[in-house]
Amino acid sequence: PRRTAMREDLQALLALDPDQPGAHGMLGTYHFAIGDYEAAISHLEAEVAGDRFDPSSAGDLECRYLLALIYTDHRRDPAK
């Protein structure tokens, strides 16, 4: 129940402000934790796409780390 509430809270926050800093990463982390990799990939990629990536941001670094785990451990894709 707590996980569901967390997901709903993050989705509501993103519905109000799609560019809320860190929210996509938190939602991606949530999806990664429960194994919903399709959703996690799109959220994590959105968080660190192009000039949105901030190398000084712990959240952005975590997004890149989670993407690396997904690409290497769960979705082996040499292009990524």
PDB file of N, CA and C in Angstrom:
ATOM      1  N   PRO A   1       0.808  -1.225   0.000  1.00  0.00           N
ATOM      2  CA  PRO A   1       0.000   0.000   0.000  1.00  0.00           C
ATOM      3  C   PRO A   1       0.840   1.274   0.000  1.00  0.00           C
ATOM      4  N   ARG A   2       1.955   1.284   0.731  1.00  0.00           N
ATOM      5  CA  ARG A   2       2.795   2.483   0.756  1.00  0.00           C
ATOM      6  C   ARG A   2       3.417   2.734  -0.607  1.00  0.00           C
ATOM      7  N   ARG A   3       3.809   1.664  -1.290  1.00  0.00           N
ATOM      8  CA  ARG A   3       4.404   1.833  -2.617  1.00  0.00           C
ATOM      9  C   ARG A   3       3.386   2.404  -3.594  1.00  0.00           C
ATOM     10  N   THR A   4       2.171   1.913  -3.529  1.00  0.00           N
ATOM     11  CA  THR A   4       1.125   2.419  -4.414  1.00  0.00           C
ATOM     12  C   THR A   4       0.872   3.898  -4.149  1.00  0.00           C
ATOM     13  N   ALA A   5       0.826   4.271  -2.876  1.00  0.00           N
ATOM     14  CA  ALA A   5       0.616   5.684  -2.525  1.00  0.00           C
ATOM     15  C   ALA A   5       1.772   6.539  -3.042  1.00  0.00           C
ATOM     16  N   MET A   6       2.990   6.040  -2.921  1.00  0.00           N
ATOM     17  CA  MET A   6       4.151   6.784  -3.410  1.00  0.00           C
ATOM     18  C   MET A   6       4.041   6.996  -4.914  1.00  0.00           C
ATOM     19  N   ARG A   7       3.704   5.937  -5.650  1.00  0.00           N
ATOM     20  CA  ARG A   7       3.575   6.062  -7.102  1.00  0.00           C
ATOM     21  C   ARG A   7       2.486   7.064  -7.463  1.00  0.00           C
ATOM     22  N   GLU A   8       1.352   6.981  -6.796  1.00  0.00           N
ATOM     23  CA  GLU A   8       0.250   7.898  -7.092  1.00  0.00           C
ATOM     24  C   GLU A   8       0.614   9.337  -6.761  1.00  0.00           C
ATOM     25  N   ASP A   9       1.328   9.539  -5.659  1.00  0.00           N
ATOM     26  CA  ASP A   9       1.779  10.889  -5.299  1.00  0.00           C
ATOM     27  C   ASP A   9       2.721  11.458  -6.362  1.00  0.00           C
ATOM     28  N   LEU A  10       3.662  10.646  -6.817  1.00  0.00           N
ATOM     29  CA  LEU A  10       4.606  11.112  -7.830  1.00  0.00           C
ATOM     30  C   LEU A  10       3.896  11.386  -9.153  1.00  0.00           C
ATOM     31  N   GLN A  11       2.962  10.528  -9.536  1.00  0.00           N
ATOM     32  CA  GLN A  11       2.233  10.749 -10.774  1.00  0.00           C
ATOM     33  C   GLN A  11       1.374  12.016 -10.689  1.00  0.00           C
ATOM     34  N   ALA A  12       0.781  12.263  -9.528  1.00  0.00           N
ATOM     35  CA  ALA A  12      -0.011  13.482  -9.344  1.00  0.00           C
ATOM     36  C   ALA A  12       0.888  14.714  -9.431  1.00  0.00           C
ATOM     37  N   LEU A  13       2.055  14.641  -8.819  1.00  0.00           N
ATOM     38  CA  LEU A  13       3.005  15.752  -8.871  1.00  0.00           C
ATOM     39  C   LEU A  13       3.424  16.028 -10.308  1.00  0.00           C
ATOM     40  N   LEU A  14       3.718  14.974 -11.065  1.00  0.00           N
ATOM     41  CA  LEU A  14       4.131  15.148 -12.454  1.00  0.00           C
ATOM     42  C   LEU A  14       2.989  15.634 -13.333  1.00  0.00           C
ATOM     43  N   ALA A  15       1.759  15.305 -12.976  1.00  0.00           N
ATOM     44  CA  ALA A  15       0.607  15.813 -13.731  1.00  0.00           C
ATOM     45  C   ALA A  15       0.487  17.325 -13.562  1.00  0.00           C
ATOM     46  N   LEU A  16       0.832  17.822 -12.372  1.00  0.00           N
ATOM     47  CA  LEU A  16       0.796  19.259 -12.115  1.00  0.00           C
ATOM     48  C   LEU A  16       1.993  19.984 -12.720  1.00  0.00           C
ATOM     49  N   ASP A  17       3.153  19.349 -12.626  1.00  0.00           N
ATOM     50  CA  ASP A  17       4.383  19.969 -13.112  1.00  0.00           C
ATOM     51  C   ASP A  17       5.278  18.898 -13.732  1.00  0.00           C
ATOM     52  N   PRO A  18       5.152  18.674 -15.048  1.00  0.00           N
ATOM     53  CA  PRO A  18       5.926  17.615 -15.707  1.00  0.00           C
ATOM     54  C   PRO A  18       7.440  17.785 -15.595  1.00  0.00           C
ATOM     55  N   ASP A  19       7.897  18.981 -15.280  1.00  0.00           N
ATOM     56  CA  ASP A  19       9.333  19.223 -15.166  1.00  0.00           C
ATOM     57  C   ASP A  19       9.814  19.325 -13.717  1.00  0.00           C
ATOM     58  N   GLN A  20       9.026  18.827 -12.795  1.00  0.00           N
ATOM     59  CA  GLN A  20       9.404  18.876 -11.379  1.00  0.00           C
ATOM     60  C   GLN A  20      10.758  18.189 -11.196  1.00  0.00           C
ATOM     61  N   PRO A  21      11.771  18.918 -10.733  1.00  0.00           N
ATOM     62  CA  PRO A  21      13.110  18.322 -10.606  1.00  0.00           C
ATOM     63  C   PRO A  21      13.113  17.086  -9.711  1.00  0.00           C
ATOM     64  N   GLY A  22      13.666  16.029 -10.242  1.00  0.00           N
ATOM     65  CA  GLY A  22      13.829  14.807  -9.463  1.00  0.00           C
ATOM     66  C   GLY A  22      12.640  13.881  -9.449  1.00  0.00           C
ATOM     67  N   ALA A  23      11.448  14.356  -9.787  1.00  0.00           N
ATOM     68  CA  ALA A  23      10.258  13.515  -9.677  1.00  0.00           C
ATOM     69  C   ALA A  23      10.300  12.342 -10.650  1.00  0.00           C
ATOM     70  N   HIS A  24      10.770  12.589 -11.867  1.00  0.00           N
ATOM     71  CA  HIS A  24      10.873  11.485 -12.825  1.00  0.00           C
ATOM     72  C   HIS A  24      11.861  10.438 -12.324  1.00  0.00           C
ATOM     73  N   GLY A  25      12.948  10.900 -11.759  1.00  0.00           N
ATOM     74  CA  GLY A  25      13.935   9.969 -11.225  1.00  0.00           C
ATOM     75  C   GLY A  25      13.380   9.132 -10.090  1.00  0.00           C
ATOM     76  N   MET A  26      12.616   9.781  -9.197  1.00  0.00           N
ATOM     77  CA  MET A  26      12.012   9.031  -8.098  1.00  0.00           C
ATOM     78  C   MET A  26      10.997   8.027  -8.612  1.00  0.00           C
ATOM     79  N   LEU A  27      10.210   8.427  -9.608  1.00  0.00           N
ATOM     80  CA  LEU A  27       9.237   7.501 -10.177  1.00  0.00           C
ATOM     81  C   LEU A  27       9.960   6.381 -10.904  1.00  0.00           C
ATOM     82  N   GLY A  28      11.041   6.718 -11.595  1.00  0.00           N
ATOM     83  CA  GLY A  28      11.839   5.683 -12.249  1.00  0.00           C
ATOM     84  C   GLY A  28      12.435   4.719 -11.246  1.00  0.00           C
ATOM     85  N   THR A  29      12.936   5.232 -10.132  1.00  0.00           N
ATOM     86  CA  THR A  29      13.475   4.384  -9.078  1.00  0.00           C
ATOM     87  C   THR A  29      12.391   3.467  -8.531  1.00  0.00           C
ATOM     88  N   TYR A  30      11.202   4.006  -8.373  1.00  0.00           N
ATOM     89  CA  TYR A  30      10.070   3.203  -7.909  1.00  0.00           C
ATOM     90  C   TYR A  30       9.817   2.058  -8.883  1.00  0.00           C
ATOM     91  N   HIS A  31       9.739   2.396 -10.176  1.00  0.00           N
ATOM     92  CA  HIS A  31       9.478   1.356 -11.167  1.00  0.00           C
ATOM     93  C   HIS A  31      10.613   0.341 -11.212  1.00  0.00           C
ATOM     94  N   PHE A  32      11.861   0.815 -11.101  1.00  0.00           N
ATOM     95  CA  PHE A  32      13.000  -0.099 -11.109  1.00  0.00           C
ATOM     96  C   PHE A  32      12.909  -1.059  -9.930  1.00  0.00           C
ATOM     97  N   ALA A  33      12.532  -0.539  -8.775  1.00  0.00           N
ATOM     98  CA  ALA A  33      12.459  -1.360  -7.570  1.00  0.00           C
ATOM     99  C   ALA A  33      11.425  -2.468  -7.691  1.00  0.00           C
ATOM    100  N   ILE A  34      10.356  -2.223  -8.409  1.00  0.00           N
ATOM    101  CA  ILE A  34       9.334  -3.264  -8.528  1.00  0.00           C
ATOM    102  C   ILE A  34       9.444  -4.028  -9.840  1.00  0.00           C
ATOM    103  N   GLY A  35      10.458  -3.718 -10.629  1.00  0.00           N
ATOM    104  CA  GLY A  35      10.722  -4.474 -11.838  1.00  0.00           C
ATOM    105  C   GLY A  35       9.929  -4.054 -13.056  1.00  0.00           C
ATOM    106  N   ASP A  36       9.356  -2.875 -13.050  1.00  0.00           N
ATOM    107  CA  ASP A  36       8.592  -2.393 -14.198  1.00  0.00           C
ATOM    108  C   ASP A  36       9.543  -1.619 -15.102  1.00  0.00           C
ATOM    109  N   TYR A  37      10.402  -2.329 -15.800  1.00  0.00           N
ATOM    110  CA  TYR A  37      11.505  -1.702 -16.508  1.00  0.00           C
ATOM    111  C   TYR A  37      11.060  -0.826 -17.678  1.00  0.00           C
ATOM    112  N   GLU A  38       9.991  -1.194 -18.374  1.00  0.00           N
ATOM    113  CA  GLU A  38       9.531  -0.371 -19.492  1.00  0.00           C
ATOM    114  C   GLU A  38       9.230   1.062 -19.029  1.00  0.00           C
ATOM    115  N   ALA A  39       8.484   1.176 -17.951  1.00  0.00           N
ATOM    116  CA  ALA A  39       8.146   2.500 -17.433  1.00  0.00           C
ATOM    117  C   ALA A  39       9.376   3.204 -16.866  1.00  0.00           C
ATOM    118  N   ALA A  40      10.229   2.457 -16.187  1.00  0.00           N
ATOM    119  CA  ALA A  40      11.413   3.069 -15.586  1.00  0.00           C
ATOM    120  C   ALA A  40      12.315   3.677 -16.641  1.00  0.00           C
ATOM    121  N   ILE A  41      12.506   2.968 -17.743  1.00  0.00           N
ATOM    122  CA  ILE A  41      13.398   3.469 -18.784  1.00  0.00           C
ATOM    123  C   ILE A  41      12.927   4.822 -19.306  1.00  0.00           C
ATOM    124  N   SER A  42      11.655   4.936 -19.631  1.00  0.00           N
ATOM    125  CA  SER A  42      11.177   6.203 -20.188  1.00  0.00           C
ATOM    126  C   SER A  42      11.287   7.342 -19.180  1.00  0.00           C
ATOM    127  N   HIS A  43      10.990   7.091 -17.927  1.00  0.00           N
ATOM    128  CA  HIS A  43      11.077   8.141 -16.910  1.00  0.00           C
ATOM    129  C   HIS A  43      12.524   8.530 -16.621  1.00  0.00           C
ATOM    130  N   LEU A  44      13.381   7.535 -16.509  1.00  0.00           N
ATOM    131  CA  LEU A  44      14.782   7.833 -16.234  1.00  0.00           C
ATOM    132  C   LEU A  44      15.426   8.564 -17.400  1.00  0.00           C
ATOM    133  N   GLU A  45      15.142   8.127 -18.614  1.00  0.00           N
ATOM    134  CA  GLU A  45      15.713   8.807 -19.778  1.00  0.00           C
ATOM    135  C   GLU A  45      15.227  10.252 -19.859  1.00  0.00           C
ATOM    136  N   ALA A  46      13.972  10.492 -19.545  1.00  0.00           N
ATOM    137  CA  ALA A  46      13.433  11.854 -19.576  1.00  0.00           C
ATOM    138  C   ALA A  46      14.137  12.744 -18.554  1.00  0.00           C
ATOM    139  N   GLU A  47      14.484  12.166 -17.425  1.00  0.00           N
ATOM    140  CA  GLU A  47      15.120  12.941 -16.355  1.00  0.00           C
ATOM    141  C   GLU A  47      16.506  13.445 -16.753  1.00  0.00           C
ATOM    142  N   VAL A  48      17.227  12.686 -17.562  1.00  0.00           N
ATOM    143  CA  VAL A  48      18.618  13.036 -17.871  1.00  0.00           C
ATOM    144  C   VAL A  48      18.861  13.253 -19.366  1.00  0.00           C
ATOM    145  N   ALA A  49      17.799  13.511 -20.107  1.00  0.00           N
ATOM    146  CA  ALA A  49      17.931  13.706 -21.553  1.00  0.00           C
ATOM    147  C   ALA A  49      18.574  15.053 -21.880  1.00  0.00           C
ATOM    148  N   GLY A  50      19.498  15.029 -22.808  1.00  0.00           N
ATOM    149  CA  GLY A  50      20.104  16.252 -23.334  1.00  0.00           C
ATOM    150  C   GLY A  50      20.635  17.192 -22.278  1.00  0.00           C
ATOM    151  N   ASP A  51      20.228  18.453 -22.360  1.00  0.00           N
ATOM    152  CA  ASP A  51      20.741  19.459 -21.426  1.00  0.00           C
ATOM    153  C   ASP A  51      20.058  19.405 -20.064  1.00  0.00           C
ATOM    154  N   ARG A  52      19.125  18.471 -19.876  1.00  0.00           N
ATOM    155  CA  ARG A  52      18.497  18.311 -18.557  1.00  0.00           C
ATOM    156  C   ARG A  52      19.439  17.616 -17.575  1.00  0.00           C
ATOM    157  N   PHE A  53      20.462  16.916 -18.088  1.00  0.00           N
ATOM    158  CA  PHE A  53      21.398  16.216 -17.215  1.00  0.00           C
ATOM    159  C   PHE A  53      22.305  17.212 -16.520  1.00  0.00           C
ATOM    160  N   ASP A  54      22.348  17.117 -15.201  1.00  0.00           N
ATOM    161  CA  ASP A  54      23.211  17.967 -14.379  1.00  0.00           C
ATOM    162  C   ASP A  54      24.176  17.057 -13.631  1.00  0.00           C
ATOM    163  N   PRO A  55      25.452  17.034 -14.036  1.00  0.00           N
ATOM    164  CA  PRO A  55      26.405  16.128 -13.402  1.00  0.00           C
ATOM    165  C   PRO A  55      26.635  16.404 -11.916  1.00  0.00           C
ATOM    166  N   SER A  56      26.210  17.571 -11.431  1.00  0.00           N
ATOM    167  CA  SER A  56      26.374  17.861 -10.003  1.00  0.00           C
ATOM    168  C   SER A  56      25.147  17.437  -9.185  1.00  0.00           C
ATOM    169  N   SER A  57      24.120  16.935  -9.874  1.00  0.00           N
ATOM    170  CA  SER A  57      22.891  16.520  -9.197  1.00  0.00           C
ATOM    171  C   SER A  57      22.952  15.042  -8.833  1.00  0.00           C
ATOM    172  N   ALA A  58      22.784  14.744  -7.547  1.00  0.00           N
ATOM    173  CA  ALA A  58      22.790  13.346  -7.101  1.00  0.00           C
ATOM    174  C   ALA A  58      21.649  12.561  -7.753  1.00  0.00           C
ATOM    175  N   GLY A  59      20.511  13.202  -7.937  1.00  0.00           N
ATOM    176  CA  GLY A  59      19.375  12.531  -8.567  1.00  0.00           C
ATOM    177  C   GLY A  59      19.647  12.166 -10.012  1.00  0.00           C
ATOM    178  N   ASP A  60      20.274  13.082 -10.748  1.00  0.00           N
ATOM    179  CA  ASP A  60      20.603  12.802 -12.144  1.00  0.00           C
ATOM    180  C   ASP A  60      21.650  11.695 -12.247  1.00  0.00           C
ATOM    181  N   LEU A  61      22.613  11.711 -11.353  1.00  0.00           N
ATOM    182  CA  LEU A  61      23.621  10.647 -11.355  1.00  0.00           C
ATOM    183  C   LEU A  61      22.977   9.300 -11.028  1.00  0.00           C
ATOM    184  N   GLU A  62      22.028   9.296 -10.101  1.00  0.00           N
ATOM    185  CA  GLU A  62      21.332   8.057  -9.772  1.00  0.00           C
ATOM    186  C   GLU A  62      20.524   7.567 -10.973  1.00  0.00           C
ATOM    187  N   CYS A  63      19.901   8.492 -11.707  1.00  0.00           N
ATOM    188  CA  CYS A  63      19.158   8.108 -12.915  1.00  0.00           C
ATOM    189  C   CYS A  63      20.076   7.421 -13.909  1.00  0.00           C
ATOM    190  N   ARG A  64      21.235   8.020 -14.142  1.00  0.00           N
ATOM    191  CA  ARG A  64      22.187   7.414 -15.087  1.00  0.00           C
ATOM    192  C   ARG A  64      22.642   6.051 -14.582  1.00  0.00           C
ATOM    193  N   TYR A  65      22.872   5.937 -13.278  1.00  0.00           N
ATOM    194  CA  TYR A  65      23.285   4.656 -12.695  1.00  0.00           C
ATOM    195  C   TYR A  65      22.197   3.596 -12.899  1.00  0.00           C
ATOM    196  N   LEU A  66      20.942   3.957 -12.619  1.00  0.00           N
ATOM    197  CA  LEU A  66      19.850   3.003 -12.792  1.00  0.00           C
ATOM    198  C   LEU A  66      19.695   2.605 -14.260  1.00  0.00           C
ATOM    199  N   LEU A  67      19.832   3.566 -15.168  1.00  0.00           N
ATOM    200  CA  LEU A  67      19.779   3.232 -16.591  1.00  0.00           C
ATOM    201  C   LEU A  67      20.901   2.271 -16.967  1.00  0.00           C
ATOM    202  N   ALA A  68      22.086   2.527 -16.437  1.00  0.00           N
ATOM    203  CA  ALA A  68      23.210   1.627 -16.724  1.00  0.00           C
ATOM    204  C   ALA A  68      22.913   0.215 -16.219  1.00  0.00           C
ATOM    205  N   LEU A  69      22.330   0.104 -15.029  1.00  0.00           N
ATOM    206  CA  LEU A  69      21.962  -1.220 -14.512  1.00  0.00           C
ATOM    207  C   LEU A  69      20.938  -1.902 -15.410  1.00  0.00           C
ATOM    208  N   ILE A  70      19.946  -1.143 -15.813  1.00  0.00           N
ATOM    209  CA  ILE A  70      18.904  -1.719 -16.669  1.00  0.00           C
ATOM    210  C   ILE A  70      19.514  -2.173 -17.991  1.00  0.00           C
ATOM    211  N   TYR A  71      20.319  -1.306 -18.611  1.00  0.00           N
ATOM    212  CA  TYR A  71      20.890  -1.631 -19.912  1.00  0.00           C
ATOM    213  C   TYR A  71      21.871  -2.803 -19.848  1.00  0.00           C
ATOM    214  N   THR A  72      22.613  -2.923 -18.745  1.00  0.00           N
ATOM    215  CA  THR A  72      23.627  -3.987 -18.671  1.00  0.00           C
ATOM    216  C   THR A  72      23.104  -5.267 -18.039  1.00  0.00           C
ATOM    217  N   ASP A  73      22.257  -5.153 -17.032  1.00  0.00           N
ATOM    218  CA  ASP A  73      21.819  -6.340 -16.308  1.00  0.00           C
ATOM    219  C   ASP A  73      20.480  -6.908 -16.769  1.00  0.00           C
ATOM    220  N   HIS A  74      19.615  -6.057 -17.270  1.00  0.00           N
ATOM    221  CA  HIS A  74      18.263  -6.509 -17.597  1.00  0.00           C
ATOM    222  C   HIS A  74      17.926  -6.416 -19.081  1.00  0.00           C
ATOM    223  N   ARG A  75      18.538  -5.496 -19.759  1.00  0.00           N
ATOM    224  CA  ARG A  75      18.258  -5.271 -21.182  1.00  0.00           C
ATOM    225  C   ARG A  75      19.573  -5.084 -21.911  1.00  0.00           C
ATOM    226  N   ARG A  76      20.258  -6.130 -22.151  1.00  0.00           N
ATOM    227  CA  ARG A  76      21.564  -5.987 -22.810  1.00  0.00           C
ATOM    228  C   ARG A  76      21.369  -5.444 -24.212  1.00  0.00           C
ATOM    229  N   ASP A  77      21.772  -4.205 -24.397  1.00  0.00           N
ATOM    230  CA  ASP A  77      21.646  -3.535 -25.690  1.00  0.00           C
ATOM    231  C   ASP A  77      22.943  -2.769 -25.940  1.00  0.00           C
ATOM    232  N   PRO A  78      23.800  -3.294 -26.790  1.00  0.00           N
ATOM    233  CA  PRO A  78      25.086  -2.627 -27.037  1.00  0.00           C
ATOM    234  C   PRO A  78      24.959  -1.183 -27.494  1.00  0.00           C
ATOM    235  N   ALA A  79      23.837  -0.835 -28.112  1.00  0.00           N
ATOM    236  CA  ALA A  79      23.640   0.544 -28.585  1.00  0.00           C
ATOM    237  C   ALA A  79      23.491   1.516 -27.422  1.00  0.00           C
ATOM    238  N   LYS A  80      23.082   1.039 -26.264  1.00  0.00           N
ATOM    239  CA  LYS A  80      22.873   1.916 -25.109  1.00  0.00           C
ATOM    240  C   LYS A  80      24.164   2.029 -24.326  1.00  0.00           C
TER     241      LYS A  80
END
